[in-house]
Every structure is written in C-alpha cells, then in structure tokens.
Protein backbone atom coordinates (compact mmCIF):
# COMPACT_ATOMS: atom_id res chain seq x y z
CA MET A 1 11.62 2.12 7.75
CA TRP A 2 9.84 2.48 10.44
CA LEU A 3 10.76 -0.68 11.88
CA HIS A 4 14.45 1.05 12.57
CA HIS A 5 13.11 3.22 14.63
CA HIS A 6 13.63 2.45 18.45
CA SER A 7 10.30 3.60 19.41
CA PHE A 8 7.82 1.98 16.41
CA LEU A 9 7.00 -1.64 18.17
CA GLN A 10 6.50 0.20 21.84
CA THR A 11 4.32 2.95 20.19
CA VAL A 12 1.92 0.33 18.47
CA LYS A 13 1.71 -1.93 20.70
CA GLU A 14 0.61 0.60 23.45
CA SER A 15 -2.12 1.75 21.05
CA TRP A 16 -3.09 -1.93 20.18
CA GLU A 17 -3.26 -3.35 23.85
CA LEU A 18 -6.15 -0.41 24.22
CA PRO A 19 -9.33 -2.06 24.68
CA ILE A 20 -11.95 -1.83 22.86
CA GLU A 21 -15.57 -3.93 22.95
CA GLY A 22 -16.46 -6.08 20.35
CA TYR A 23 -16.29 -9.11 18.11
CA GLY A 24 -13.26 -10.30 16.51
CA MET A 25 -13.44 -8.63 12.72
CA TYR A 26 -14.97 -5.40 14.37
CA LYS A 27 -11.96 -4.85 17.26
CA LEU A 28 -9.66 -5.71 14.29
CA GLN A 29 -11.13 -2.68 12.08
CA GLN A 30 -10.94 -0.57 14.82
CA LYS A 31 -7.40 -1.29 16.20
CA ILE A 32 -6.14 -0.93 12.48
CA TYR A 33 -8.11 1.88 12.17
CA ARG A 34 -6.54 3.80 15.50
CA THR A 35 -2.88 2.78 14.79
CA THR A 36 -3.33 4.23 11.55
CA GLU A 37 -4.03 7.49 12.66
CA LEU A 38 -1.62 7.17 15.97
CA LEU A 39 1.27 6.24 13.10
CA LYS A 40 0.30 9.12 11.11
CA GLN A 41 0.91 11.81 13.99
CA TRP A 42 4.08 9.70 14.89
CA ASN A 43 5.40 9.79 11.14
CA ARG A 44 5.17 13.55 11.60
CA ASP A 45 6.44 14.30 15.10
CA THR A 46 8.61 11.37 15.85
CA PHE A 47 10.29 9.62 12.56
CA GLY A 48 10.21 13.09 11.03
CA ASN A 49 10.06 13.36 6.60
CA VAL A 50 13.03 10.91 5.70
CA PHE A 51 14.31 13.56 2.98
CA THR A 52 14.79 15.99 5.75
CA THR A 53 16.80 13.52 7.94
CA VAL A 54 19.27 13.19 4.93
CA GLN A 55 19.73 16.61 4.29
CA GLN A 56 20.21 17.68 7.59
CA ALA A 57 22.70 14.60 8.25
CA LYS A 58 24.67 15.33 5.45
CA GLN A 59 24.86 19.00 6.47
CA GLU A 60 26.05 17.92 10.36
CA ALA A 61 28.31 15.69 8.72
CA THR A 62 29.94 18.19 6.61
CA ASP A 63 29.75 20.59 9.55
CA ALA A 64 31.79 18.15 11.91
CA GLU A 65 34.24 17.47 9.24
CA LYS A 66 35.07 20.80 9.03
CA LYS A 67 35.78 21.09 12.27
CA PHE A 68 37.63 18.23 12.87
CA ASP A 69 39.94 19.84 10.13
CA ARG A 70 40.08 22.70 12.24
CA ASP A 71 41.29 20.92 15.67
CA PRO A 72 41.86 17.50 15.27
CA SER A 73 40.75 16.90 18.68
CA GLU A 74 39.89 13.39 20.45
CA THR A 75 36.74 15.40 21.09
CA ASN A 76 35.99 15.92 17.43
CA LEU A 77 36.55 13.20 15.85
CA ILE A 78 34.05 11.65 17.96
CA ALA A 79 31.82 14.26 16.95
CA LEU A 80 32.87 13.54 13.48
CA ASN A 81 32.60 9.67 13.99
CA LYS A 82 28.70 9.96 15.55
CA SER A 83 27.61 12.30 12.89
CA ASN A 84 28.76 9.37 10.12
CA ALA A 85 26.79 6.88 11.38
CA VAL A 86 23.92 9.02 12.05
CA LEU A 87 24.32 9.96 7.78
CA VAL A 88 25.02 5.89 7.17
CA HIS A 89 21.48 5.69 9.34
CA ALA A 90 19.64 8.31 7.53
CA LEU A 91 20.78 7.08 3.72
CA SER A 92 19.37 3.32 4.75
CA LEU A 93 16.40 4.51 5.75
CA GLU A 94 16.09 6.57 1.66
CA ALA A 95 17.33 3.60 0.37
CA GLU A 96 14.49 1.37 2.50
CA TYR A 97 11.68 3.92 1.58
CA TRP A 98 12.65 3.57 -2.57
CA LYS A 99 13.01 0.19 -2.47
CA GLN A 100 9.29 -0.35 -1.05
CA LYS A 101 8.12 2.39 -3.75
CA SER A 102 9.82 0.20 -6.29
CA ASN A 103 8.91 -3.15 -4.98
CA CYS A 104 12.01 -4.28 -5.65
CA LYS A 105 12.28 -8.06 -4.67
CA TRP A 106 15.43 -9.46 -5.78
CA LEU A 107 18.13 -6.76 -5.52
CA GLU A 108 20.31 -8.00 -2.77
CA ALA A 109 21.08 -5.65 0.33
CA GLY A 110 23.89 -4.90 -0.34
CA LYS A 111 23.53 -3.75 -4.29
CA ARG A 112 21.08 -1.05 -3.03
CA ASN A 113 21.11 2.02 -4.76
CA THR A 114 18.87 4.88 -4.28
CA LYS A 115 18.99 6.30 -7.50
CA TYR A 116 17.90 3.05 -8.85
CA PHE A 117 15.21 2.81 -6.64
CA TYR A 118 14.09 6.12 -7.70
CA SER A 119 14.38 5.01 -11.79
CA LEU A 120 12.11 2.20 -11.28
CA VAL A 121 9.97 4.11 -9.80
CA ASN A 122 9.26 6.31 -12.67
CA LYS A 123 9.53 3.36 -15.16
CA LYS A 124 6.55 1.65 -12.91
CA ARG A 125 4.36 5.08 -13.41
CA LEU A 126 5.68 5.10 -17.14
CA LYS A 127 4.24 1.60 -17.67
CA SER A 128 0.65 2.40 -15.92
CA ARG A 129 -0.16 4.73 -19.04
CA ILE A 130 -1.99 3.37 -21.60
CA HIS A 131 -0.34 3.80 -24.51
CA ILE A 132 -2.90 1.19 -27.01
CA ILE A 133 -6.28 -0.27 -26.58
CA MET A 134 -7.91 -2.70 -28.80
CA LYS A 135 -11.68 -1.36 -29.91
CA GLY A 136 -12.82 -4.64 -31.78
CA ASN A 137 -10.22 -5.55 -33.87
CA GLN A 138 -8.51 -2.29 -34.44
CA GLU A 139 -5.87 -1.14 -32.37
CA ILE A 140 -6.03 2.38 -31.07
CA THR A 141 -2.93 4.48 -30.30
CA ASN A 142 -3.38 7.63 -30.44
CA PRO A 143 -3.73 9.75 -27.13
CA ASP A 144 -6.93 11.69 -28.19
CA GLN A 145 -8.90 8.34 -29.65
CA ILE A 146 -7.69 6.48 -26.62
CA ARG A 147 -9.36 9.29 -24.49
CA ASP A 148 -12.49 9.30 -26.83
CA SER A 149 -13.16 5.55 -26.44
CA ALA A 150 -12.83 5.49 -22.66
CA ALA A 151 -15.32 7.85 -22.30
CA SER A 152 -17.63 6.20 -24.74
CA TYR A 153 -16.71 2.99 -23.14
CA PHE A 154 -18.20 3.76 -19.42
CA GLU A 155 -21.09 6.39 -20.89
CA SER A 156 -22.34 3.36 -22.73
CA LEU A 157 -22.09 1.29 -19.47
CA LEU A 158 -23.65 3.88 -17.26
CA SER A 159 -26.16 4.71 -19.53
CA ARG A 160 -30.28 3.24 -18.72
CA ASN A 161 -30.28 0.66 -21.53
CA VAL A 162 -27.08 -1.49 -20.97
CA THR A 163 -27.34 -4.59 -22.21
CA GLN A 164 -26.86 -7.94 -19.74
CA PRO A 165 -23.88 -9.85 -20.91
CA SER A 166 -24.26 -13.20 -22.16
CA THR A 167 -22.57 -16.17 -19.89
CA PRO A 168 -19.51 -17.39 -21.52
CA ASP A 169 -19.66 -20.58 -22.87
CA PHE A 170 -16.19 -22.11 -22.12
CA PRO A 171 -15.14 -24.78 -24.32
CA PHE A 172 -14.10 -27.15 -21.14
CA GLN A 173 -15.13 -28.32 -18.18
CA PHE A 174 -14.15 -26.98 -14.53
CA SER A 175 -12.97 -29.67 -12.47
CA LYS A 176 -14.85 -30.35 -9.24
CA ILE A 177 -13.45 -29.77 -5.51
CA PRO A 178 -13.35 -33.12 -3.54
CA GLU A 179 -15.69 -33.84 -0.86
CA GLU A 180 -13.39 -33.77 1.59
CA VAL A 181 -11.26 -31.00 0.86
CA GLY A 182 -14.85 -28.48 0.19
CA HIS A 183 -15.03 -29.73 4.11
CA ASN A 184 -11.30 -28.42 4.98
CA ILE A 185 -11.91 -25.65 3.35
CA CYS A 186 -14.73 -24.29 5.54
CA SER A 187 -13.24 -25.20 8.99
CA ILE A 188 -11.65 -22.81 11.36
CA PRO A 189 -7.76 -22.93 10.53
CA SER A 190 -5.62 -23.06 13.84
CA GLU A 191 -3.55 -20.27 15.29
CA GLU A 192 -0.15 -21.96 13.86
CA VAL A 193 -1.70 -22.02 10.08
CA ILE A 194 -3.17 -18.61 10.20
CA LYS A 195 0.61 -17.43 11.38
CA GLU A 196 2.00 -19.68 8.75
CA ILE A 197 0.29 -17.77 5.93
CA VAL A 198 0.87 -14.68 7.20
CA PHE A 199 4.79 -15.37 7.48
CA SER A 200 4.92 -16.93 4.87
CA ILE A 201 3.87 -13.84 2.71
CA ASP A 202 6.48 -11.74 0.99
CA LYS A 203 7.72 -8.68 3.27
CA ASP A 204 8.50 -6.58 0.15
CA SER A 205 5.03 -6.94 -1.08
CA VAL A 206 2.57 -4.82 -2.07
CA PRO A 207 0.60 -3.38 1.09
CA GLY A 208 -2.82 -4.08 1.57
CA PRO A 209 -6.06 -1.80 1.47
CA ASP A 210 -5.33 -1.23 5.26
CA GLY A 211 -1.88 0.51 4.11
CA PHE A 212 0.10 -2.19 6.00
CA SER A 213 2.14 -4.60 4.15
CA SER A 214 3.17 -8.06 5.72
CA THR A 215 5.90 -6.60 7.48
CA PHE A 216 3.95 -4.89 9.68
CA TYR A 217 2.17 -7.84 10.71
CA GLN A 218 4.89 -10.22 11.04
CA ALA A 219 6.94 -7.54 13.28
CA CYS A 220 4.20 -6.93 15.31
CA TRP A 221 2.91 -10.31 15.50
CA LYS A 222 3.79 -10.88 19.45
CA PHE A 223 0.78 -8.34 20.67
CA ILE A 224 -1.84 -8.82 17.44
CA ALA A 225 -1.68 -12.10 16.80
CA ARG A 226 -4.91 -12.67 18.79
CA ASP A 227 -6.67 -10.08 17.44
CA ILE A 228 -5.65 -11.47 13.75
CA CYS A 229 -6.65 -14.84 14.88
CA ASP A 230 -10.02 -13.84 16.35
CA ALA A 231 -11.20 -12.25 12.99
CA VAL A 232 -10.03 -15.12 10.91
CA ARG A 233 -12.36 -17.24 12.88
CA ASP A 234 -15.01 -14.80 12.89
CA PHE A 235 -15.32 -14.63 9.11
CA PHE A 236 -15.17 -18.65 9.20
CA SER A 237 -18.07 -18.94 11.49
CA GLY A 238 -20.03 -16.57 9.30
CA THR A 239 -19.74 -13.51 11.14
CA PRO A 240 -21.16 -10.61 9.78
CA MET A 241 -18.36 -8.09 8.43
CA PRO A 242 -18.54 -4.33 8.90
CA ARG A 243 -19.12 -2.18 6.73
CA SER A 244 -15.93 -1.17 5.81
CA PHE A 245 -14.08 -4.22 5.03
CA THR A 246 -16.64 -4.51 2.34
CA ALA A 247 -17.77 -1.15 1.26
CA THR A 248 -16.42 0.26 -2.33
CA THR A 249 -16.72 3.75 -3.75
CA ILE A 250 -16.08 4.22 -7.24
CA VAL A 251 -16.16 7.94 -8.29
CA LEU A 252 -15.37 9.06 -11.63
CA ILE A 253 -13.79 12.61 -11.65
CA PRO A 254 -13.71 15.07 -14.55
CA LYS A 255 -10.73 17.36 -15.21
CA VAL A 256 -12.51 20.13 -15.86
CA ASP A 257 -12.91 23.52 -14.56
CA SER A 258 -17.09 23.14 -14.18
CA PRO A 259 -18.01 19.67 -14.54
CA CYS A 260 -21.61 19.22 -15.00
CA ALA A 261 -23.34 16.57 -12.66
CA THR A 262 -26.94 16.76 -14.29
CA SER A 263 -26.81 13.00 -14.92
CA PRO A 264 -24.83 10.30 -15.16
CA THR A 265 -24.66 10.45 -19.36
CA LYS A 266 -23.66 14.50 -19.32
CA CYS A 267 -20.62 13.50 -16.19
CA CYS A 268 -19.64 11.00 -18.63
CA GLN A 269 -19.49 13.51 -21.43
CA SER A 270 -17.60 16.00 -19.66
CA SER A 271 -14.83 13.73 -18.00
CA SER A 272 -14.13 13.04 -21.55
CA THR A 273 -11.52 15.61 -21.74
CA GLY A 274 -9.42 14.20 -18.67
CA ARG A 275 -9.21 10.72 -17.13
CA PHE A 276 -11.28 8.35 -14.75
CA HIS A 277 -10.05 8.00 -11.27
CA LYS A 278 -10.72 4.85 -9.56
CA LEU A 279 -11.30 5.30 -5.41
CA SER A 280 -11.67 2.41 -3.65
CA ARG A 281 -11.99 1.64 0.19
CA THR A 282 -11.84 -1.92 1.20
C-alpha cells in the first residue's frame, strides 16, 4: 500500500543512493538496513496509520455532506467530491493492507472486501495453532498433553545425553546432476537473468527475512538493480557473506512470572506452562 503514496519511491531512492564503502553483499545489507529504519520513520511521520486515516476520511466526508445539504453551493460540492475521493483512496489502502495480511492472491481487484480479508487473517491464525500431534503411534489432542509433550521433547533435545540420529536408509537412489548442468549452476548469472528471476516472484508473496516483499524490489528496480546484481555476483564468486545474512537466534521464552535460567533443563521444565517462541534473524 506504500506504493500508492507519491513520496515513497523518491524517499527510497534518496536513501538507497547514499554511498557506502564495501563489497556487494555488505553494501546491500547496509542499504536494506538503512532503508528499513528510514521507512519506519516515514511510515509514522508521512504515511500515517491506515486505520486512523480511514476514520478521519469518513468523518471529513460526513461533515462535507452535511455542509453541502445546508448550502448546496458549487464550492461545497467541490469539497464534498474531494472528501469522497480521499475516502475512497483511504479505503483502497485499507483493502491492500488486509489483502497482504491475508496473503490472498487469487481474488480480483474488483472483488476486494476488507471484512473478507480480515476473516482470512483470523483463519490463518487459527490454522497456525497445534490441535493434534503424533507421539509415536499415539494421537494426542488434549491441549495439556500437547503442551507437556512439546516441553518433554525440547527438554530431551537440549539435554547433554542426546543420541545422534542415524542416517536414513532411503529405498531409492537420488539421480545425479549432469556435469554440464553442474557447471551452469555455479556460473555467475547475468543482470538479465537476475531481473527475470526477481520479476517472476509473485507480488503478493510473503515478505523475506528482511521484511520486504518482491513488490518492493520490482517497484524500486531502476535504482537498486546494480546493488542486487553485485550482491548476487559476490555470492556466486564465493565472497564471505555478512554475519547478519547467516545469523539465526533461537530463544525459548517461558510464559511464567519468574522463569528459572540456571540450566537448560530447568528452563525447559519452567516453560512447560507456556509456549516456545522461535525468534530468527537472517
């Protein structure tokens, strides 16, 4: 929905074109980080809260309609049409917001419905909850038993006496990649190939670890293409990736008032009363 604002592309361009010293992947990482921080401030100060904007637009349209009913002059008619246009624009931004949240790709633009998108979001949240798990050959549906089973699993996983999993014995053989295909996989792609891949990604796909969806890279391609291509060439050339590209942090957060952190085992036992959260940064 940010793309509908007239200053979005210029704001990103001014931030992106500020010089940064370093190799391709490092410069891309730094520019993404800098642009992210700038857009957070731009969203607060310029774009604003979409729901507040809708409420304000509705109130202004109502006031303009009442004013026109009292005095149907040409000036009041122009003000009424303007306020209605602002309201329609605000409602379209709200629909875009819920469309992205619901990840609904197949609905046509003419059939957008905010309430429908909102219901899809709630459905996705409900589906993300664990209602049943298998423990061996046993099917567990009781919420307390599911919670205890998860705590027991992670307690065993993080204990010192962890048995190494055996190599699976597959009943089939993996096909080998032809030698010429292997050489092509390692070859450095051209700018045309990189652009084709970026633009082949669905615009409504889920955003990547950096928080930007493919829509951002496609809309801003004119001034970010060089940095994207340099980073891809660095990767295929074997350049070491920045730590922020490869770092992952897994944290178990117990939902208790006074969690015990003396040992991993006790921590897992304390967290059996709540959920486990995984926080990743890639």
